[in-house]
Each structure stands twice: as structure tokens, then as C-alpha cells.
Amino acid sequence: MSNTKEKVATEDQKPLVQEIIQLSDDFGEFSHISAFLGHALANALAAHEWLDDDIIAGGRLCSNWLQKRTSQLRDEMRHVQERYIEEHEEQA
């Protein structure tokens, strides 16, 4: 009976591992695009002096928020990956 449980656990873990890897890959791509867009927005706003100061400030605020949130999500993802590894090393 123990072998059956171990086999089911192994089968359940493999797709989760693959999902974590795929999520990490997808987030990496998102992070790079997000950084590019944030910098592009900030530079575009700075280059157009004719824009209202509130629009420029709002654009910068959004750009900064996007960069900060991307960093927070990256940290959370690392935490999930580390926790998953630790939990599964303890079971082994």
C-alpha cells in the first residue's frame, strides 16, 4: 500500500514541478517585457515636455509600480520554489 501512495505522490509531483518550471519561465519572459515597457514609458514621458505634469507623474508612478510589483512577484516565486524544494527534500 505504501508503494501505491508513493507512486501516486510521484505522479502528482511531476506535473506540479513542470508547472512551477513553466510558470518560472513565463514569469521571466513577463519580467523582461515589463522592465522594457516601464523604461520605455518613463523615457517617452520624459521626452515630451508638452505633456501635462500630472500625466508625466502618473506615467512614472505606473512605471515604478510595475517595476516594484514585478520584483515582489519574483521574490514570491523564489519563495514558493524554495519551499517546494525544502518540503520535498524532507520527504525524501
PDB file of N, CA and C in Angstrom:
ATOM      1  N   MET A   1       0.821  -1.189   0.000  1.00  0.00           N
ATOM      2  CA  MET A   1       0.000   0.000   0.000  1.00  0.00           C
ATOM      3  C   MET A   1       0.869   1.258   0.000  1.00  0.00           C
ATOM      4  N   SER A   2       1.979   1.200   0.689  1.00  0.00           N
ATOM      5  CA  SER A   2       2.897   2.327   0.732  1.00  0.00           C
ATOM      6  C   SER A   2       3.429   2.643  -0.665  1.00  0.00           C
ATOM      7  N   ASN A   3       3.744   1.618  -1.454  1.00  0.00           N
ATOM      8  CA  ASN A   3       4.248   1.827  -2.812  1.00  0.00           C
ATOM      9  C   ASN A   3       3.224   2.538  -3.678  1.00  0.00           C
ATOM     10  N   THR A   4       1.953   2.199  -3.501  1.00  0.00           N
ATOM     11  CA  THR A   4       0.900   2.841  -4.276  1.00  0.00           C
ATOM     12  C   THR A   4       0.827   4.326  -3.937  1.00  0.00           C
ATOM     13  N   LYS A   5       0.889   4.650  -2.645  1.00  0.00           N
ATOM     14  CA  LYS A   5       0.848   6.043  -2.231  1.00  0.00           C
ATOM     15  C   LYS A   5       2.060   6.797  -2.765  1.00  0.00           C
ATOM     16  N   GLU A   6       3.233   6.167  -2.700  1.00  0.00           N
ATOM     17  CA  GLU A   6       4.443   6.810  -3.199  1.00  0.00           C
ATOM     18  C   GLU A   6       4.350   7.040  -4.699  1.00  0.00           C
ATOM     19  N   LYS A   7       3.812   6.061  -5.421  1.00  0.00           N
ATOM     20  CA  LYS A   7       3.673   6.189  -6.864  1.00  0.00           C
ATOM     21  C   LYS A   7       2.710   7.320  -7.215  1.00  0.00           C
ATOM     22  N   VAL A   8       1.583   7.396  -6.510  1.00  0.00           N
ATOM     23  CA  VAL A   8       0.617   8.461  -6.757  1.00  0.00           C
ATOM     24  C   VAL A   8       1.234   9.812  -6.425  1.00  0.00           C
ATOM     25  N   ALA A   9       1.965   9.887  -5.304  1.00  0.00           N
ATOM     26  CA  ALA A   9       2.609  11.135  -4.916  1.00  0.00           C
ATOM     27  C   ALA A   9       3.628  11.560  -5.967  1.00  0.00           C
ATOM     28  N   THR A  10       4.404  10.616  -6.478  1.00  0.00           N
ATOM     29  CA  THR A  10       5.399  10.921  -7.501  1.00  0.00           C
ATOM     30  C   THR A  10       4.723  11.427  -8.767  1.00  0.00           C
ATOM     31  N   GLU A  11       3.628  10.788  -9.165  1.00  0.00           N
ATOM     32  CA  GLU A  11       2.914  11.219 -10.363  1.00  0.00           C
ATOM     33  C   GLU A  11       2.305  12.604 -10.166  1.00  0.00           C
ATOM     34  N   ASP A  12       1.814  12.883  -8.960  1.00  0.00           N
ATOM     35  CA  ASP A  12       1.237  14.194  -8.679  1.00  0.00           C
ATOM     36  C   ASP A  12       2.320  15.268  -8.643  1.00  0.00           C
ATOM     37  N   GLN A  13       3.497  14.934  -8.143  1.00  0.00           N
ATOM     38  CA  GLN A  13       4.572  15.912  -8.012  1.00  0.00           C
ATOM     39  C   GLN A  13       5.157  16.287  -9.369  1.00  0.00           C
ATOM     40  N   LYS A  14       5.283  15.342 -10.233  1.00  0.00           N
ATOM     41  CA  LYS A  14       5.915  15.630 -11.523  1.00  0.00           C
ATOM     42  C   LYS A  14       5.178  16.727 -12.286  1.00  0.00           C
ATOM     43  N   PRO A  15       3.870  16.645 -12.430  1.00  0.00           N
ATOM     44  CA  PRO A  15       3.197  17.744 -13.122  1.00  0.00           C
ATOM     45  C   PRO A  15       3.343  19.080 -12.385  1.00  0.00           C
ATOM     46  N   LEU A  16       3.336  19.059 -11.047  1.00  0.00           N
ATOM     47  CA  LEU A  16       3.499  20.290 -10.297  1.00  0.00           C
ATOM     48  C   LEU A  16       4.881  20.881 -10.542  1.00  0.00           C
ATOM     49  N   VAL A  17       5.892  20.051 -10.554  1.00  0.00           N
ATOM     50  CA  VAL A  17       7.246  20.525 -10.845  1.00  0.00           C
ATOM     51  C   VAL A  17       7.283  21.155 -12.235  1.00  0.00           C
ATOM     52  N   GLN A  18       6.680  20.490 -13.181  1.00  0.00           N
ATOM     53  CA  GLN A  18       6.650  21.032 -14.544  1.00  0.00           C
ATOM     54  C   GLN A  18       5.888  22.348 -14.593  1.00  0.00           C
ATOM     55  N   GLU A  19       4.805  22.448 -13.817  1.00  0.00           N
ATOM     56  CA  GLU A  19       4.042  23.694 -13.779  1.00  0.00           C
ATOM     57  C   GLU A  19       4.862  24.821 -13.158  1.00  0.00           C
ATOM     58  N   ILE A  20       5.609  24.521 -12.108  1.00  0.00           N
ATOM     59  CA  ILE A  20       6.450  25.530 -11.469  1.00  0.00           C
ATOM     60  C   ILE A  20       7.526  26.006 -12.437  1.00  0.00           C
ATOM     61  N   ILE A  21       8.134  25.070 -13.137  1.00  0.00           N
ATOM     62  CA  ILE A  21       9.165  25.434 -14.122  1.00  0.00           C
ATOM     63  C   ILE A  21       8.568  26.293 -15.225  1.00  0.00           C
ATOM     64  N   GLN A  22       7.409  25.894 -15.742  1.00  0.00           N
ATOM     65  CA  GLN A  22       6.767  26.673 -16.805  1.00  0.00           C
ATOM     66  C   GLN A  22       6.376  28.057 -16.302  1.00  0.00           C
ATOM     67  N   LEU A  23       5.829  28.122 -15.093  1.00  0.00           N
ATOM     68  CA  LEU A  23       5.461  29.406 -14.513  1.00  0.00           C
ATOM     69  C   LEU A  23       6.684  30.303 -14.349  1.00  0.00           C
ATOM     70  N   SER A  24       7.784  29.720 -13.916  1.00  0.00           N
ATOM     71  CA  SER A  24       9.023  30.471 -13.768  1.00  0.00           C
ATOM     72  C   SER A  24       9.516  30.995 -15.115  1.00  0.00           C
ATOM     73  N   ASP A  25       9.469  30.157 -16.131  1.00  0.00           N
ATOM     74  CA  ASP A  25       9.866  30.581 -17.479  1.00  0.00           C
ATOM     75  C   ASP A  25       8.960  31.701 -17.994  1.00  0.00           C
ATOM     76  N   ASP A  26       7.653  31.522 -17.813  1.00  0.00           N
ATOM     77  CA  ASP A  26       6.702  32.536 -18.257  1.00  0.00           C
ATOM     78  C   ASP A  26       6.913  33.852 -17.517  1.00  0.00           C
ATOM     79  N   PHE A  27       7.176  33.760 -16.219  1.00  0.00           N
ATOM     80  CA  PHE A  27       7.386  34.968 -15.441  1.00  0.00           C
ATOM     81  C   PHE A  27       8.672  35.674 -15.863  1.00  0.00           C
ATOM     82  N   GLY A  28       9.697  34.912 -16.171  1.00  0.00           N
ATOM     83  CA  GLY A  28      10.943  35.511 -16.651  1.00  0.00           C
ATOM     84  C   GLY A  28      10.705  36.329 -17.903  1.00  0.00           C
ATOM     85  N   GLU A  29       9.943  35.770 -18.818  1.00  0.00           N
ATOM     86  CA  GLU A  29       9.613  36.488 -20.047  1.00  0.00           C
ATOM     87  C   GLU A  29       8.799  37.749 -19.730  1.00  0.00           C
ATOM     88  N   PHE A  30       7.795  37.598 -18.872  1.00  0.00           N
ATOM     89  CA  PHE A  30       6.972  38.737 -18.470  1.00  0.00           C
ATOM     90  C   PHE A  30       7.828  39.824 -17.811  1.00  0.00           C
ATOM     91  N   SER A  31       8.729  39.407 -16.957  1.00  0.00           N
ATOM     92  CA  SER A  31       9.586  40.345 -16.234  1.00  0.00           C
ATOM     93  C   SER A  31      10.430  41.178 -17.194  1.00  0.00           C
ATOM     94  N   HIS A  32      11.002  40.534 -18.188  1.00  0.00           N
ATOM     95  CA  HIS A  32      11.836  41.258 -19.151  1.00  0.00           C
ATOM     96  C   HIS A  32      10.999  42.251 -19.967  1.00  0.00           C
ATOM     97  N   ILE A  33       9.847  41.825 -20.412  1.00  0.00           N
ATOM     98  CA  ILE A  33       8.975  42.706 -21.192  1.00  0.00           C
ATOM     99  C   ILE A  33       8.475  43.852 -20.319  1.00  0.00           C
ATOM    100  N   SER A  34       8.124  43.544 -19.086  1.00  0.00           N
ATOM    101  CA  SER A  34       7.660  44.556 -18.147  1.00  0.00           C
ATOM    102  C   SER A  34       8.733  45.616 -17.920  1.00  0.00           C
ATOM    103  N   ALA A  35       9.959  45.184 -17.717  1.00  0.00           N
ATOM    104  CA  ALA A  35      11.059  46.132 -17.500  1.00  0.00           C
ATOM    105  C   ALA A  35      11.248  47.015 -18.737  1.00  0.00           C
ATOM    106  N   PHE A  36      11.208  46.415 -19.906  1.00  0.00           N
ATOM    107  CA  PHE A  36      11.359  47.184 -21.142  1.00  0.00           C
ATOM    108  C   PHE A  36      10.253  48.230 -21.263  1.00  0.00           C
ATOM    109  N   LEU A  37       9.008  47.805 -21.049  1.00  0.00           N
ATOM    110  CA  LEU A  37       7.889  48.733 -21.177  1.00  0.00           C
ATOM    111  C   LEU A  37       7.943  49.848 -20.134  1.00  0.00           C
ATOM    112  N   GLY A  38       8.326  49.492 -18.919  1.00  0.00           N
ATOM    113  CA  GLY A  38       8.436  50.502 -17.868  1.00  0.00           C
ATOM    114  C   GLY A  38       9.458  51.563 -18.208  1.00  0.00           C
ATOM    115  N   HIS A  39      10.617  51.134 -18.669  1.00  0.00           N
ATOM    116  CA  HIS A  39      11.670  52.085 -19.046  1.00  0.00           C
ATOM    117  C   HIS A  39      11.269  52.883 -20.286  1.00  0.00           C
ATOM    118  N   ALA A  40      10.640  52.211 -21.232  1.00  0.00           N
ATOM    119  CA  ALA A  40      10.215  52.910 -22.451  1.00  0.00           C
ATOM    120  C   ALA A  40       9.174  53.974 -22.118  1.00  0.00           C
ATOM    121  N   LEU A  41       8.247  53.650 -21.243  1.00  0.00           N
ATOM    122  CA  LEU A  41       7.226  54.615 -20.853  1.00  0.00           C
ATOM    123  C   LEU A  41       7.855  55.811 -20.149  1.00  0.00           C
ATOM    124  N   ALA A  42       8.729  55.541 -19.200  1.00  0.00           N
ATOM    125  CA  ALA A  42       9.382  56.634 -18.470  1.00  0.00           C
ATOM    126  C   ALA A  42      10.178  57.531 -19.416  1.00  0.00           C
ATOM    127  N   ASN A  43      10.906  56.937 -20.342  1.00  0.00           N
ATOM    128  CA  ASN A  43      11.700  57.722 -21.302  1.00  0.00           C
ATOM    129  C   ASN A  43      10.811  58.506 -22.265  1.00  0.00           C
ATOM    130  N   ALA A  44       9.733  57.874 -22.713  1.00  0.00           N
ATOM    131  CA  ALA A  44       8.819  58.561 -23.631  1.00  0.00           C
ATOM    132  C   ALA A  44       8.164  59.752 -22.950  1.00  0.00           C
ATOM    133  N   LEU A  45       7.785  59.584 -21.700  1.00  0.00           N
ATOM    134  CA  LEU A  45       7.163  60.679 -20.971  1.00  0.00           C
ATOM    135  C   LEU A  45       8.149  61.823 -20.751  1.00  0.00           C
ATOM    136  N   ALA A  46       9.387  61.473 -20.454  1.00  0.00           N
ATOM    137  CA  ALA A  46      10.406  62.498 -20.214  1.00  0.00           C
ATOM    138  C   ALA A  46      10.728  63.282 -21.485  1.00  0.00           C
ATOM    139  N   ALA A  47      10.587  62.650 -22.627  1.00  0.00           N
ATOM    140  CA  ALA A  47      10.934  63.281 -23.893  1.00  0.00           C
ATOM    141  C   ALA A  47       9.860  64.249 -24.389  1.00  0.00           C
ATOM    142  N   HIS A  48       8.683  64.172 -23.812  1.00  0.00           N
ATOM    143  CA  HIS A  48       7.572  65.012 -24.282  1.00  0.00           C
ATOM    144  C   HIS A  48       7.220  66.053 -23.227  1.00  0.00           C
ATOM    145  N   GLU A  49       7.915  67.170 -23.311  1.00  0.00           N
ATOM    146  CA  GLU A  49       7.719  68.241 -22.338  1.00  0.00           C
ATOM    147  C   GLU A  49       6.334  68.870 -22.454  1.00  0.00           C
ATOM    148  N   TRP A  50       5.691  68.715 -23.572  1.00  0.00           N
ATOM    149  CA  TRP A  50       4.387  69.328 -23.786  1.00  0.00           C
ATOM    150  C   TRP A  50       3.285  68.607 -23.023  1.00  0.00           C
ATOM    151  N   LEU A  51       3.576  67.411 -22.506  1.00  0.00           N
ATOM    152  CA  LEU A  51       2.565  66.678 -21.744  1.00  0.00           C
ATOM    153  C   LEU A  51       2.321  67.351 -20.400  1.00  0.00           C
ATOM    154  N   ASP A  52       1.110  67.237 -19.948  1.00  0.00           N
ATOM    155  CA  ASP A  52       0.729  67.774 -18.647  1.00  0.00           C
ATOM    156  C   ASP A  52       1.575  67.106 -17.553  1.00  0.00           C
ATOM    157  N   ASP A  53       1.972  67.873 -16.563  1.00  0.00           N
ATOM    158  CA  ASP A  53       2.803  67.342 -15.468  1.00  0.00           C
ATOM    159  C   ASP A  53       2.123  66.189 -14.744  1.00  0.00           C
ATOM    160  N   ASP A  54       0.800  66.232 -14.624  1.00  0.00           N
ATOM    161  CA  ASP A  54       0.075  65.144 -13.956  1.00  0.00           C
ATOM    162  C   ASP A  54       0.156  63.843 -14.760  1.00  0.00           C
ATOM    163  N   ILE A  55       0.115  63.969 -16.062  1.00  0.00           N
ATOM    164  CA  ILE A  55       0.228  62.777 -16.916  1.00  0.00           C
ATOM    165  C   ILE A  55       1.625  62.174 -16.786  1.00  0.00           C
ATOM    166  N   ILE A  56       2.628  63.030 -16.804  1.00  0.00           N
ATOM    167  CA  ILE A  56       4.012  62.555 -16.663  1.00  0.00           C
ATOM    168  C   ILE A  56       4.200  61.889 -15.305  1.00  0.00           C
ATOM    169  N   ALA A  57       3.705  62.541 -14.251  1.00  0.00           N
ATOM    170  CA  ALA A  57       3.836  61.975 -12.898  1.00  0.00           C
ATOM    171  C   ALA A  57       3.080  60.649 -12.799  1.00  0.00           C
ATOM    172  N   GLY A  58       1.902  60.589 -13.385  1.00  0.00           N
ATOM    173  CA  GLY A  58       1.116  59.349 -13.365  1.00  0.00           C
ATOM    174  C   GLY A  58       1.807  58.228 -14.120  1.00  0.00           C
ATOM    175  N   GLY A  59       2.375  58.557 -15.265  1.00  0.00           N
ATOM    176  CA  GLY A  59       3.109  57.561 -16.045  1.00  0.00           C
ATOM    177  C   GLY A  59       4.311  57.027 -15.290  1.00  0.00           C
ATOM    178  N   ARG A  60       5.035  57.921 -14.644  1.00  0.00           N
ATOM    179  CA  ARG A  60       6.193  57.498 -13.851  1.00  0.00           C
ATOM    180  C   ARG A  60       5.753  56.639 -12.669  1.00  0.00           C
ATOM    181  N   LEU A  61       4.657  57.043 -12.044  1.00  0.00           N
ATOM    182  CA  LEU A  61       4.125  56.270 -10.922  1.00  0.00           C
ATOM    183  C   LEU A  61       3.760  54.851 -11.373  1.00  0.00           C
ATOM    184  N   CYS A  62       3.094  54.757 -12.517  1.00  0.00           N
ATOM    185  CA  CYS A  62       2.722  53.439 -13.050  1.00  0.00           C
ATOM    186  C   CYS A  62       3.953  52.613 -13.399  1.00  0.00           C
ATOM    187  N   SER A  63       4.929  53.253 -14.007  1.00  0.00           N
ATOM    188  CA  SER A  63       6.160  52.567 -14.369  1.00  0.00           C
ATOM    189  C   SER A  63       6.875  52.046 -13.124  1.00  0.00           C
ATOM    190  N   ASN A  64       6.982  52.894 -12.108  1.00  0.00           N
ATOM    191  CA  ASN A  64       7.624  52.476 -10.860  1.00  0.00           C
ATOM    192  C   ASN A  64       6.847  51.358 -10.175  1.00  0.00           C
ATOM    193  N   TRP A  65       5.519  51.462 -10.199  1.00  0.00           N
ATOM    194  CA  TRP A  65       4.693  50.425  -9.584  1.00  0.00           C
ATOM    195  C   TRP A  65       4.905  49.088 -10.296  1.00  0.00           C
ATOM    196  N   LEU A  66       4.928  49.134 -11.612  1.00  0.00           N
ATOM    197  CA  LEU A  66       5.109  47.912 -12.391  1.00  0.00           C
ATOM    198  C   LEU A  66       6.453  47.258 -12.067  1.00  0.00           C
ATOM    199  N   GLN A  67       7.504  48.048 -11.970  1.00  0.00           N
ATOM    200  CA  GLN A  67       8.827  47.508 -11.640  1.00  0.00           C
ATOM    201  C   GLN A  67       8.837  46.919 -10.223  1.00  0.00           C
ATOM    202  N   LYS A  68       8.235  47.631  -9.283  1.00  0.00           N
ATOM    203  CA  LYS A  68       8.206  47.164  -7.897  1.00  0.00           C
ATOM    204  C   LYS A  68       7.382  45.883  -7.776  1.00  0.00           C
ATOM    205  N   ARG A  69       6.234  45.844  -8.420  1.00  0.00           N
ATOM    206  CA  ARG A  69       5.365  44.668  -8.341  1.00  0.00           C
ATOM    207  C   ARG A  69       6.018  43.468  -9.009  1.00  0.00           C
ATOM    208  N   THR A  70       6.696  43.683 -10.102  1.00  0.00           N
ATOM    209  CA  THR A  70       7.406  42.596 -10.771  1.00  0.00           C
ATOM    210  C   THR A  70       8.465  42.023  -9.847  1.00  0.00           C
ATOM    211  N   SER A  71       9.177  42.872  -9.157  1.00  0.00           N
ATOM    212  CA  SER A  71      10.194  42.430  -8.208  1.00  0.00           C
ATOM    213  C   SER A  71       9.573  41.651  -7.054  1.00  0.00           C
ATOM    214  N   GLN A  72       8.441  42.129  -6.541  1.00  0.00           N
ATOM    215  CA  GLN A  72       7.749  41.427  -5.459  1.00  0.00           C
ATOM    216  C   GLN A  72       7.294  40.041  -5.911  1.00  0.00           C
ATOM    217  N   LEU A  73       6.736  39.956  -7.103  1.00  0.00           N
ATOM    218  CA  LEU A  73       6.283  38.661  -7.623  1.00  0.00           C
ATOM    219  C   LEU A  73       7.456  37.715  -7.847  1.00  0.00           C
ATOM    220  N   ARG A  74       8.590  38.252  -8.295  1.00  0.00           N
ATOM    221  CA  ARG A  74       9.787  37.431  -8.471  1.00  0.00           C
ATOM    222  C   ARG A  74      10.224  36.841  -7.133  1.00  0.00           C
ATOM    223  N   ASP A  75      10.208  37.679  -6.092  1.00  0.00           N
ATOM    224  CA  ASP A  75      10.575  37.204  -4.752  1.00  0.00           C
ATOM    225  C   ASP A  75       9.603  36.150  -4.246  1.00  0.00           C
ATOM    226  N   GLU A  76       8.315  36.359  -4.478  1.00  0.00           N
ATOM    227  CA  GLU A  76       7.312  35.383  -4.059  1.00  0.00           C
ATOM    228  C   GLU A  76       7.502  34.057  -4.795  1.00  0.00           C
ATOM    229  N   MET A  77       7.818  34.126  -6.081  1.00  0.00           N
ATOM    230  CA  MET A  77       8.026  32.914  -6.859  1.00  0.00           C
ATOM    231  C   MET A  77       9.244  32.146  -6.335  1.00  0.00           C
ATOM    232  N   ARG A  78      10.320  32.859  -6.029  1.00  0.00           N
ATOM    233  CA  ARG A  78      11.501  32.204  -5.458  1.00  0.00           C
ATOM    234  C   ARG A  78      11.159  31.519  -4.147  1.00  0.00           C
ATOM    235  N   HIS A  79      10.353  32.197  -3.341  1.00  0.00           N
ATOM    236  CA  HIS A  79       9.947  31.629  -2.056  1.00  0.00           C
ATOM    237  C   HIS A  79       9.158  30.328  -2.262  1.00  0.00           C
ATOM    238  N   VAL A  80       8.232  30.323  -3.199  1.00  0.00           N
ATOM    239  CA  VAL A  80       7.442  29.121  -3.486  1.00  0.00           C
ATOM    240  C   VAL A  80       8.353  27.997  -3.965  1.00  0.00           C
ATOM    241  N   GLN A  81       9.288  28.322  -4.846  1.00  0.00           N
ATOM    242  CA  GLN A  81      10.211  27.302  -5.345  1.00  0.00           C
ATOM    243  C   GLN A  81      11.066  26.738  -4.221  1.00  0.00           C
ATOM    244  N   GLU A  82      11.598  27.616  -3.373  1.00  0.00           N
ATOM    245  CA  GLU A  82      12.432  27.155  -2.255  1.00  0.00           C
ATOM    246  C   GLU A  82      11.625  26.320  -1.274  1.00  0.00           C
ATOM    247  N   ARG A  83      10.416  26.752  -1.001  1.00  0.00           N
ATOM    248  CA  ARG A  83       9.549  25.998  -0.078  1.00  0.00           C
ATOM    249  C   ARG A  83       9.234  24.619  -0.652  1.00  0.00           C
ATOM    250  N   TYR A  84       8.939  24.559  -1.921  1.00  0.00           N
ATOM    251  CA  TYR A  84       8.642  23.284  -2.566  1.00  0.00           C
ATOM    252  C   TYR A  84       9.840  22.346  -2.452  1.00  0.00           C
ATOM    253  N   ILE A  85      11.018  22.868  -2.735  1.00  0.00           N
ATOM    254  CA  ILE A  85      12.235  22.048  -2.652  1.00  0.00           C
ATOM    255  C   ILE A  85      12.458  21.558  -1.228  1.00  0.00           C
ATOM    256  N   GLU A  86      12.331  22.465  -0.260  1.00  0.00           N
ATOM    257  CA  GLU A  86      12.543  22.077   1.137  1.00  0.00           C
ATOM    258  C   GLU A  86      11.553  21.012   1.587  1.00  0.00           C
ATOM    259  N   GLU A  87      10.290  21.171   1.248  1.00  0.00           N
ATOM    260  CA  GLU A  87       9.265  20.215   1.643  1.00  0.00           C
ATOM    261  C   GLU A  87       9.510  18.851   1.029  1.00  0.00           C
ATOM    262  N   HIS A  88       9.978  18.825  -0.204  1.00  0.00           N
ATOM    263  CA  HIS A  88      10.182  17.550  -0.876  1.00  0.00           C
ATOM    264  C   HIS A  88      11.524  16.911  -0.505  1.00  0.00           C
ATOM    265  N   GLU A  89      12.484  17.706  -0.074  1.00  0.00           N
ATOM    266  CA  GLU A  89      13.730  17.133   0.422  1.00  0.00           C
ATOM    267  C   GLU A  89      13.476  16.467   1.772  1.00  0.00           C
ATOM    268  N   GLU A  90      12.601  17.039   2.587  1.00  0.00           N
ATOM    269  CA  GLU A  90      12.278  16.459   3.884  1.00  0.00           C
ATOM    270  C   GLU A  90      11.573  15.119   3.721  1.00  0.00           C
ATOM    271  N   GLN A  91      10.766  14.993   2.665  1.00  0.00           N
ATOM    272  CA  GLN A  91      10.024  13.749   2.433  1.00  0.00           C
ATOM    273  C   GLN A  91      10.929  12.645   1.898  1.00  0.00           C
ATOM    274  N   ALA A  92      12.019  13.032   1.271  1.00  0.00           N
ATOM    275  CA  ALA A  92      12.898  12.033   0.645  1.00  0.00           C
ATOM    276  C   ALA A  92      13.749  11.287   1.640  1.00  0.00           C
TER     277      ALA A  92
END
